[in-house]
Amino acid sequence: MATSTSSDDSIPIELKEKLAAFDTHLSELEVGLNPILSINRTALIEKMDPLDAAKTDLVAAYAINSLFWMYMNVCGMNPKDHAVRQELTRIQSYMQRVKEIEDKKKAPKLDKEGAKRFVRSALWQAAQKKHEDKDISTSAKSSSHQNSQEGKSGKKRKRNEK
């Protein structure tokens, strides 16, 4: 990176550009947070269900700690050696738990009564089919037995006729 300086200041142009971009982004953040900060928190939380309230609190805590992380970087301190890193990790773990709770709410639920009816019906149909198969096989055996008896008696008749 070149360290060119303007004639009126001792601050490098590249640094001025980065500071201007940082100021712009900080102003955008302030504009984005104003609607949230202007509403009374208790009134906002009363309108939400508990899961949404927890998500709101987690996002706010994460944003504050992230801003503090950035502040420490700007001041030249190493935030990795500070307790803010542990706090950010803790908040991330809570965010993961909230996500798991949301996923459980969205997961399909088992209709136990419907499942019982389905299984009972399937077992009844299987029992009926087994019973019908037994009847068919019994009738088939008896008809084949009759045919074989008729076949034997027919042979005897033929012998007697000769």
N, C-alpha and C. Protein backbone atom coordinates (compact mmCIF):
# COMPACT_ATOMS: atom_id res chain seq x y z
N MET A 1 0.84 -1.16 0.00
CA MET A 1 0.00 0.00 0.00
C MET A 1 0.89 1.23 0.00
N ALA A 2 0.63 2.14 -0.89
CA ALA A 2 1.42 3.37 -0.97
C ALA A 2 0.99 4.31 0.13
N THR A 3 1.93 5.08 0.63
CA THR A 3 1.62 6.00 1.73
C THR A 3 1.69 7.43 1.21
N SER A 4 0.87 7.72 0.24
CA SER A 4 0.85 9.09 -0.27
C SER A 4 0.05 9.94 0.68
N THR A 5 0.49 11.16 0.87
CA THR A 5 -0.20 12.07 1.79
C THR A 5 -0.65 13.30 1.02
N SER A 6 -1.73 13.86 1.52
CA SER A 6 -2.19 15.10 0.89
C SER A 6 -1.33 16.26 1.38
N SER A 7 -1.38 17.35 0.68
CA SER A 7 -0.51 18.48 1.01
C SER A 7 -0.93 19.17 2.30
N ASP A 8 -2.23 19.11 2.68
CA ASP A 8 -2.67 19.83 3.85
C ASP A 8 -2.69 18.99 5.12
N ASP A 9 -2.60 17.67 5.03
CA ASP A 9 -2.68 16.80 6.20
C ASP A 9 -1.54 15.80 6.20
N SER A 10 -1.35 15.21 7.34
CA SER A 10 -0.34 14.16 7.44
C SER A 10 -1.00 12.78 7.42
N ILE A 11 -2.31 12.71 7.17
CA ILE A 11 -3.04 11.44 7.10
C ILE A 11 -3.00 10.93 5.66
N PRO A 12 -2.61 9.69 5.46
CA PRO A 12 -2.56 9.14 4.10
C PRO A 12 -3.96 9.11 3.46
N ILE A 13 -3.98 9.27 2.13
CA ILE A 13 -5.25 9.31 1.37
C ILE A 13 -6.00 7.99 1.52
N GLU A 14 -5.28 6.86 1.48
CA GLU A 14 -5.93 5.55 1.60
C GLU A 14 -6.65 5.42 2.93
N LEU A 15 -6.02 5.93 3.98
CA LEU A 15 -6.63 5.87 5.31
C LEU A 15 -7.85 6.78 5.39
N LYS A 16 -7.78 7.93 4.75
CA LYS A 16 -8.92 8.84 4.71
C LYS A 16 -10.11 8.18 4.01
N GLU A 17 -9.82 7.46 2.92
CA GLU A 17 -10.89 6.78 2.19
C GLU A 17 -11.54 5.69 3.04
N LYS A 18 -10.71 4.93 3.76
CA LYS A 18 -11.24 3.89 4.63
C LYS A 18 -12.04 4.48 5.78
N LEU A 19 -11.56 5.59 6.33
CA LEU A 19 -12.31 6.24 7.41
C LEU A 19 -13.64 6.81 6.92
N ALA A 20 -13.65 7.34 5.71
CA ALA A 20 -14.89 7.85 5.13
C ALA A 20 -15.88 6.70 4.91
N ALA A 21 -15.39 5.56 4.42
CA ALA A 21 -16.26 4.40 4.22
C ALA A 21 -16.78 3.89 5.56
N PHE A 22 -15.91 3.87 6.57
CA PHE A 22 -16.33 3.45 7.90
C PHE A 22 -17.40 4.38 8.46
N ASP A 23 -17.21 5.67 8.28
CA ASP A 23 -18.20 6.66 8.74
C ASP A 23 -19.53 6.46 8.03
N THR A 24 -19.49 6.18 6.73
CA THR A 24 -20.71 5.93 5.96
C THR A 24 -21.45 4.70 6.48
N HIS A 25 -20.71 3.63 6.70
CA HIS A 25 -21.32 2.40 7.19
C HIS A 25 -21.87 2.57 8.61
N LEU A 26 -21.16 3.32 9.42
CA LEU A 26 -21.63 3.59 10.78
C LEU A 26 -22.91 4.42 10.76
N SER A 27 -22.99 5.37 9.85
CA SER A 27 -24.21 6.18 9.71
C SER A 27 -25.37 5.31 9.24
N GLU A 28 -25.10 4.38 8.31
CA GLU A 28 -26.15 3.46 7.85
C GLU A 28 -26.63 2.56 8.98
N LEU A 29 -25.71 2.13 9.82
CA LEU A 29 -26.07 1.31 10.98
C LEU A 29 -26.96 2.10 11.94
N GLU A 30 -26.60 3.33 12.17
CA GLU A 30 -27.39 4.19 13.05
C GLU A 30 -28.80 4.40 12.50
N VAL A 31 -28.91 4.62 11.20
CA VAL A 31 -30.23 4.80 10.57
C VAL A 31 -31.04 3.50 10.68
N GLY A 32 -30.38 2.38 10.50
CA GLY A 32 -31.07 1.09 10.60
C GLY A 32 -31.52 0.75 12.01
N LEU A 33 -30.75 1.19 13.00
CA LEU A 33 -31.10 0.88 14.40
C LEU A 33 -32.09 1.87 15.00
N ASN A 34 -32.25 3.04 14.41
CA ASN A 34 -33.15 4.04 14.98
C ASN A 34 -34.58 3.54 15.16
N PRO A 35 -35.19 2.86 14.19
CA PRO A 35 -36.56 2.37 14.42
C PRO A 35 -36.67 1.42 15.61
N ILE A 36 -35.67 0.59 15.79
CA ILE A 36 -35.69 -0.37 16.89
C ILE A 36 -35.46 0.34 18.22
N LEU A 37 -34.53 1.29 18.21
CA LEU A 37 -34.20 1.98 19.45
C LEU A 37 -35.27 2.98 19.88
N SER A 38 -36.10 3.43 18.95
CA SER A 38 -37.14 4.41 19.29
C SER A 38 -38.35 3.76 19.95
N ILE A 39 -38.52 2.45 19.80
CA ILE A 39 -39.66 1.74 20.40
C ILE A 39 -39.28 1.28 21.80
N ASN A 40 -40.26 1.39 22.71
CA ASN A 40 -40.07 0.91 24.07
C ASN A 40 -39.90 -0.60 24.04
N ARG A 41 -38.84 -1.10 24.66
CA ARG A 41 -38.52 -2.53 24.59
C ARG A 41 -39.62 -3.38 25.20
N THR A 42 -40.17 -2.99 26.32
CA THR A 42 -41.21 -3.80 26.96
C THR A 42 -42.45 -3.89 26.08
N ALA A 43 -42.80 -2.79 25.42
CA ALA A 43 -43.96 -2.82 24.52
C ALA A 43 -43.68 -3.74 23.33
N LEU A 44 -42.46 -3.72 22.86
CA LEU A 44 -42.08 -4.58 21.73
C LEU A 44 -42.11 -6.06 22.13
N ILE A 45 -41.59 -6.39 23.29
CA ILE A 45 -41.51 -7.77 23.76
C ILE A 45 -42.91 -8.33 24.05
N GLU A 46 -43.82 -7.49 24.53
CA GLU A 46 -45.18 -7.95 24.84
C GLU A 46 -45.91 -8.44 23.59
N LYS A 47 -45.59 -7.85 22.46
CA LYS A 47 -46.25 -8.21 21.21
C LYS A 47 -45.68 -9.49 20.58
N MET A 48 -44.53 -9.94 21.05
CA MET A 48 -43.84 -11.08 20.46
C MET A 48 -44.08 -12.36 21.25
N ASP A 49 -43.91 -13.48 20.56
CA ASP A 49 -43.90 -14.74 21.29
C ASP A 49 -42.51 -14.93 21.91
N PRO A 50 -42.37 -15.80 22.88
CA PRO A 50 -41.10 -15.92 23.60
C PRO A 50 -39.89 -16.23 22.72
N LEU A 51 -40.09 -17.03 21.69
CA LEU A 51 -38.97 -17.39 20.81
C LEU A 51 -38.48 -16.17 20.04
N ASP A 52 -39.40 -15.36 19.54
CA ASP A 52 -39.00 -14.14 18.82
C ASP A 52 -38.34 -13.14 19.78
N ALA A 53 -38.82 -13.07 21.02
CA ALA A 53 -38.20 -12.19 22.00
C ALA A 53 -36.77 -12.63 22.29
N ALA A 54 -36.56 -13.93 22.40
CA ALA A 54 -35.21 -14.44 22.64
C ALA A 54 -34.30 -14.13 21.46
N LYS A 55 -34.82 -14.31 20.24
CA LYS A 55 -34.02 -14.00 19.06
C LYS A 55 -33.65 -12.52 19.01
N THR A 56 -34.59 -11.65 19.36
CA THR A 56 -34.33 -10.20 19.38
C THR A 56 -33.24 -9.87 20.39
N ASP A 57 -33.35 -10.44 21.57
CA ASP A 57 -32.33 -10.18 22.60
C ASP A 57 -30.97 -10.71 22.18
N LEU A 58 -30.94 -11.87 21.55
CA LEU A 58 -29.66 -12.43 21.11
C LEU A 58 -29.01 -11.58 20.02
N VAL A 59 -29.83 -11.10 19.08
CA VAL A 59 -29.29 -10.26 18.01
C VAL A 59 -28.75 -8.96 18.59
N ALA A 60 -29.47 -8.38 19.54
CA ALA A 60 -29.01 -7.13 20.15
C ALA A 60 -27.69 -7.36 20.90
N ALA A 61 -27.62 -8.43 21.68
CA ALA A 61 -26.39 -8.72 22.42
C ALA A 61 -25.23 -8.98 21.48
N TYR A 62 -25.49 -9.71 20.40
CA TYR A 62 -24.43 -10.00 19.44
C TYR A 62 -23.96 -8.73 18.75
N ALA A 63 -24.90 -7.86 18.40
CA ALA A 63 -24.53 -6.60 17.74
C ALA A 63 -23.69 -5.72 18.66
N ILE A 64 -24.08 -5.62 19.91
CA ILE A 64 -23.33 -4.79 20.86
C ILE A 64 -21.92 -5.34 21.06
N ASN A 65 -21.81 -6.65 21.22
CA ASN A 65 -20.49 -7.24 21.42
C ASN A 65 -19.64 -7.15 20.16
N SER A 66 -20.26 -7.25 19.00
CA SER A 66 -19.51 -7.10 17.75
C SER A 66 -18.98 -5.67 17.59
N LEU A 67 -19.82 -4.71 17.96
CA LEU A 67 -19.37 -3.32 17.91
C LEU A 67 -18.21 -3.09 18.87
N PHE A 68 -18.29 -3.70 20.05
CA PHE A 68 -17.19 -3.57 21.01
C PHE A 68 -15.93 -4.23 20.46
N TRP A 69 -16.08 -5.35 19.77
CA TRP A 69 -14.95 -6.03 19.12
C TRP A 69 -14.28 -5.08 18.13
N MET A 70 -15.12 -4.42 17.32
CA MET A 70 -14.58 -3.48 16.34
C MET A 70 -13.90 -2.29 17.02
N TYR A 71 -14.50 -1.81 18.10
CA TYR A 71 -13.92 -0.69 18.85
C TYR A 71 -12.54 -1.08 19.38
N MET A 72 -12.41 -2.28 19.89
CA MET A 72 -11.11 -2.73 20.40
C MET A 72 -10.09 -2.80 19.27
N ASN A 73 -10.52 -3.26 18.10
CA ASN A 73 -9.61 -3.30 16.95
C ASN A 73 -9.16 -1.89 16.56
N VAL A 74 -10.10 -0.94 16.56
CA VAL A 74 -9.77 0.44 16.19
C VAL A 74 -8.78 1.05 17.19
N CYS A 75 -8.95 0.69 18.47
CA CYS A 75 -8.05 1.22 19.50
C CYS A 75 -6.70 0.51 19.53
N GLY A 76 -6.54 -0.51 18.71
CA GLY A 76 -5.26 -1.20 18.64
C GLY A 76 -5.13 -2.33 19.64
N MET A 77 -6.21 -2.69 20.29
CA MET A 77 -6.17 -3.79 21.26
C MET A 77 -6.52 -5.10 20.54
N ASN A 78 -6.06 -6.20 21.07
CA ASN A 78 -6.35 -7.51 20.48
C ASN A 78 -7.61 -8.07 21.14
N PRO A 79 -8.74 -8.09 20.44
CA PRO A 79 -9.98 -8.57 21.06
C PRO A 79 -9.99 -10.09 21.27
N LYS A 80 -9.08 -10.80 20.62
CA LYS A 80 -9.03 -12.25 20.79
C LYS A 80 -8.59 -12.63 22.20
N ASP A 81 -7.86 -11.74 22.87
CA ASP A 81 -7.40 -12.00 24.23
C ASP A 81 -8.36 -11.43 25.27
N HIS A 82 -9.47 -10.86 24.85
CA HIS A 82 -10.42 -10.21 25.76
C HIS A 82 -11.63 -11.12 25.98
N ALA A 83 -12.38 -10.85 27.04
CA ALA A 83 -13.57 -11.65 27.38
C ALA A 83 -14.68 -11.48 26.35
N VAL A 84 -14.59 -10.48 25.49
CA VAL A 84 -15.62 -10.27 24.47
C VAL A 84 -15.67 -11.45 23.51
N ARG A 85 -14.56 -12.10 23.29
CA ARG A 85 -14.54 -13.28 22.41
C ARG A 85 -15.37 -14.41 23.02
N GLN A 86 -15.21 -14.64 24.31
CA GLN A 86 -16.00 -15.67 24.99
C GLN A 86 -17.48 -15.33 24.96
N GLU A 87 -17.78 -14.06 25.12
CA GLU A 87 -19.18 -13.62 25.10
C GLU A 87 -19.80 -13.85 23.72
N LEU A 88 -19.07 -13.54 22.68
CA LEU A 88 -19.57 -13.77 21.33
C LEU A 88 -19.80 -15.27 21.07
N THR A 89 -18.89 -16.10 21.55
CA THR A 89 -19.04 -17.55 21.41
C THR A 89 -20.26 -18.04 22.18
N ARG A 90 -20.46 -17.51 23.37
CA ARG A 90 -21.62 -17.91 24.18
C ARG A 90 -22.92 -17.53 23.48
N ILE A 91 -22.97 -16.33 22.94
CA ILE A 91 -24.18 -15.86 22.24
C ILE A 91 -24.43 -16.71 21.00
N GLN A 92 -23.38 -17.07 20.29
CA GLN A 92 -23.53 -17.94 19.11
C GLN A 92 -24.09 -19.30 19.50
N SER A 93 -23.66 -19.83 20.64
CA SER A 93 -24.20 -21.13 21.08
C SER A 93 -25.68 -21.01 21.41
N TYR A 94 -26.09 -19.89 22.01
CA TYR A 94 -27.51 -19.68 22.29
C TYR A 94 -28.31 -19.51 21.00
N MET A 95 -27.71 -18.85 20.02
CA MET A 95 -28.38 -18.71 18.72
C MET A 95 -28.59 -20.08 18.08
N GLN A 96 -27.61 -20.96 18.23
CA GLN A 96 -27.73 -22.32 17.70
C GLN A 96 -28.85 -23.07 18.41
N ARG A 97 -28.96 -22.89 19.73
CA ARG A 97 -30.03 -23.55 20.48
C ARG A 97 -31.40 -23.05 20.03
N VAL A 98 -31.53 -21.75 19.80
CA VAL A 98 -32.80 -21.20 19.33
C VAL A 98 -33.13 -21.76 17.96
N LYS A 99 -32.13 -21.90 17.10
CA LYS A 99 -32.36 -22.48 15.77
C LYS A 99 -32.84 -23.92 15.88
N GLU A 100 -32.26 -24.69 16.79
CA GLU A 100 -32.69 -26.08 17.00
C GLU A 100 -34.13 -26.13 17.48
N ILE A 101 -34.51 -25.23 18.36
CA ILE A 101 -35.89 -25.18 18.85
C ILE A 101 -36.84 -24.85 17.70
N GLU A 102 -36.45 -23.91 16.85
CA GLU A 102 -37.29 -23.57 15.69
C GLU A 102 -37.42 -24.76 14.75
N ASP A 103 -36.33 -25.48 14.54
CA ASP A 103 -36.36 -26.65 13.66
C ASP A 103 -37.28 -27.73 14.23
N LYS A 104 -37.27 -27.89 15.56
CA LYS A 104 -38.16 -28.88 16.18
C LYS A 104 -39.61 -28.48 16.00
N LYS A 105 -39.89 -27.18 16.07
CA LYS A 105 -41.27 -26.72 15.88
C LYS A 105 -41.73 -26.96 14.44
N LYS A 106 -40.82 -26.85 13.49
CA LYS A 106 -41.17 -27.03 12.08
C LYS A 106 -41.20 -28.50 11.67
N ALA A 107 -40.60 -29.36 12.47
CA ALA A 107 -40.52 -30.78 12.12
C ALA A 107 -41.92 -31.39 12.09
N PRO A 108 -42.13 -32.35 11.20
CA PRO A 108 -43.45 -32.99 11.15
C PRO A 108 -43.71 -33.76 12.44
N LYS A 109 -44.95 -33.68 12.87
CA LYS A 109 -45.34 -34.35 14.10
C LYS A 109 -46.03 -35.66 13.75
N LEU A 110 -45.87 -36.65 14.60
CA LEU A 110 -46.48 -37.96 14.39
C LEU A 110 -47.89 -37.95 14.97
N ASP A 111 -48.85 -38.29 14.15
CA ASP A 111 -50.23 -38.43 14.60
C ASP A 111 -50.38 -39.86 15.11
N LYS A 112 -50.29 -40.02 16.44
CA LYS A 112 -50.28 -41.35 17.02
C LYS A 112 -51.58 -42.10 16.75
N GLU A 113 -52.68 -41.42 16.89
CA GLU A 113 -53.97 -42.08 16.65
C GLU A 113 -54.10 -42.51 15.18
N GLY A 114 -53.68 -41.65 14.28
CA GLY A 114 -53.71 -41.99 12.86
C GLY A 114 -52.81 -43.16 12.55
N ALA A 115 -51.64 -43.18 13.16
CA ALA A 115 -50.70 -44.28 12.94
C ALA A 115 -51.28 -45.60 13.46
N LYS A 116 -51.95 -45.53 14.63
CA LYS A 116 -52.57 -46.74 15.18
C LYS A 116 -53.65 -47.26 14.23
N ARG A 117 -54.48 -46.36 13.72
CA ARG A 117 -55.53 -46.77 12.78
C ARG A 117 -54.92 -47.39 11.53
N PHE A 118 -53.86 -46.77 11.03
CA PHE A 118 -53.20 -47.26 9.82
C PHE A 118 -52.66 -48.66 10.03
N VAL A 119 -51.96 -48.87 11.14
CA VAL A 119 -51.37 -50.18 11.44
C VAL A 119 -52.47 -51.21 11.67
N ARG A 120 -53.48 -50.83 12.44
CA ARG A 120 -54.58 -51.75 12.72
C ARG A 120 -55.26 -52.16 11.41
N SER A 121 -55.48 -51.20 10.53
CA SER A 121 -56.11 -51.49 9.26
C SER A 121 -55.23 -52.41 8.41
N ALA A 122 -53.93 -52.12 8.39
CA ALA A 122 -53.01 -52.95 7.61
C ALA A 122 -52.97 -54.37 8.17
N LEU A 123 -52.97 -54.51 9.49
CA LEU A 123 -52.95 -55.84 10.09
C LEU A 123 -54.26 -56.56 9.81
N TRP A 124 -55.38 -55.86 9.85
CA TRP A 124 -56.68 -56.47 9.57
C TRP A 124 -56.72 -56.95 8.13
N GLN A 125 -56.21 -56.09 7.22
CA GLN A 125 -56.20 -56.48 5.81
C GLN A 125 -55.30 -57.69 5.60
N ALA A 126 -54.17 -57.71 6.29
CA ALA A 126 -53.26 -58.85 6.16
C ALA A 126 -53.92 -60.11 6.70
N ALA A 127 -54.63 -59.99 7.83
CA ALA A 127 -55.32 -61.14 8.41
C ALA A 127 -56.44 -61.61 7.47
N GLN A 128 -57.17 -60.67 6.89
CA GLN A 128 -58.23 -61.02 5.95
C GLN A 128 -57.66 -61.72 4.74
N LYS A 129 -56.56 -61.21 4.21
CA LYS A 129 -55.95 -61.81 3.03
C LYS A 129 -55.44 -63.21 3.34
N LYS A 130 -54.87 -63.35 4.52
CA LYS A 130 -54.38 -64.65 4.94
C LYS A 130 -55.55 -65.62 5.07
N HIS A 131 -56.64 -65.14 5.62
CA HIS A 131 -57.83 -65.97 5.76
C HIS A 131 -58.38 -66.35 4.39
N GLU A 132 -58.43 -65.37 3.48
CA GLU A 132 -58.91 -65.65 2.12
C GLU A 132 -57.99 -66.62 1.40
N ASP A 133 -56.68 -66.44 1.57
CA ASP A 133 -55.72 -67.35 0.95
C ASP A 133 -55.90 -68.76 1.48
N LYS A 134 -56.17 -68.85 2.76
CA LYS A 134 -56.38 -70.15 3.38
C LYS A 134 -57.64 -70.80 2.81
N ASP A 135 -58.70 -70.00 2.66
CA ASP A 135 -59.94 -70.51 2.08
C ASP A 135 -59.71 -70.96 0.64
N ILE A 136 -58.98 -70.16 -0.11
CA ILE A 136 -58.71 -70.50 -1.52
C ILE A 136 -57.87 -71.76 -1.60
N SER A 137 -56.85 -71.86 -0.77
CA SER A 137 -55.99 -73.04 -0.81
C SER A 137 -56.76 -74.27 -0.34
N THR A 138 -57.64 -74.10 0.64
CA THR A 138 -58.45 -75.22 1.11
C THR A 138 -59.40 -75.68 0.02
N SER A 139 -60.03 -74.72 -0.64
CA SER A 139 -60.96 -75.09 -1.72
C SER A 139 -60.19 -75.66 -2.91
N ALA A 140 -59.00 -75.17 -3.15
CA ALA A 140 -58.19 -75.69 -4.25
C ALA A 140 -57.77 -77.11 -3.94
N LYS A 141 -57.40 -77.37 -2.70
CA LYS A 141 -57.00 -78.72 -2.31
C LYS A 141 -58.18 -79.67 -2.43
N SER A 142 -59.34 -79.19 -1.96
CA SER A 142 -60.50 -80.08 -2.00
C SER A 142 -60.92 -80.33 -3.45
N SER A 143 -60.84 -79.33 -4.30
CA SER A 143 -61.21 -79.55 -5.71
C SER A 143 -60.19 -80.43 -6.40
N SER A 144 -58.92 -80.28 -6.07
CA SER A 144 -57.92 -81.16 -6.68
C SER A 144 -58.07 -82.57 -6.14
N HIS A 145 -58.45 -82.64 -4.87
CA HIS A 145 -58.69 -83.96 -4.28
C HIS A 145 -59.89 -84.62 -4.94
N GLN A 146 -60.92 -83.82 -5.19
CA GLN A 146 -62.10 -84.36 -5.87
C GLN A 146 -61.75 -84.77 -7.29
N ASN A 147 -60.97 -83.93 -7.96
CA ASN A 147 -60.57 -84.27 -9.34
C ASN A 147 -59.76 -85.55 -9.37
N SER A 148 -58.88 -85.69 -8.41
CA SER A 148 -58.07 -86.91 -8.39
C SER A 148 -58.94 -88.11 -8.07
N GLN A 149 -59.92 -87.93 -7.20
CA GLN A 149 -60.85 -89.02 -6.90
C GLN A 149 -61.68 -89.36 -8.13
N GLU A 150 -62.13 -88.33 -8.83
CA GLU A 150 -62.91 -88.55 -10.04
C GLU A 150 -62.04 -89.23 -11.10
N GLY A 151 -60.80 -88.83 -11.16
CA GLY A 151 -59.89 -89.44 -12.12
C GLY A 151 -59.71 -90.92 -11.83
N LYS A 152 -59.56 -91.28 -10.58
CA LYS A 152 -59.39 -92.68 -10.19
C LYS A 152 -60.66 -93.47 -10.46
N SER A 153 -61.79 -92.89 -10.12
CA SER A 153 -63.05 -93.60 -10.33
C SER A 153 -63.36 -93.72 -11.81
N GLY A 154 -62.95 -92.71 -12.59
CA GLY A 154 -63.14 -92.77 -14.03
C GLY A 154 -62.32 -93.89 -14.64
N LYS A 155 -61.11 -94.10 -14.14
CA LYS A 155 -60.25 -95.18 -14.63
C LYS A 155 -60.87 -96.53 -14.28
N LYS A 156 -61.42 -96.59 -13.08
CA LYS A 156 -62.05 -97.85 -12.67
C LYS A 156 -63.23 -98.16 -13.56
N ARG A 157 -64.01 -97.12 -13.91
CA ARG A 157 -65.16 -97.33 -14.79
C ARG A 157 -64.71 -97.83 -16.15
N LYS A 158 -63.65 -97.23 -16.65
CA LYS A 158 -63.16 -97.62 -17.96
C LYS A 158 -62.72 -99.07 -17.94
N ARG A 159 -62.08 -99.50 -16.86
CA ARG A 159 -61.65 -100.89 -16.74
C ARG A 159 -62.85 -101.82 -16.68
N ASN A 160 -63.84 -101.38 -15.96
CA ASN A 160 -65.02 -102.21 -15.80
C ASN A 160 -65.76 -102.31 -17.12
N GLU A 161 -65.72 -101.28 -17.91
CA GLU A 161 -66.41 -101.28 -19.19
C GLU A 161 -65.71 -102.20 -20.18
N LYS A 162 -64.46 -102.39 -20.05
CA LYS A 162 -63.71 -103.19 -21.00
C LYS A 162 -63.99 -104.60 -20.71
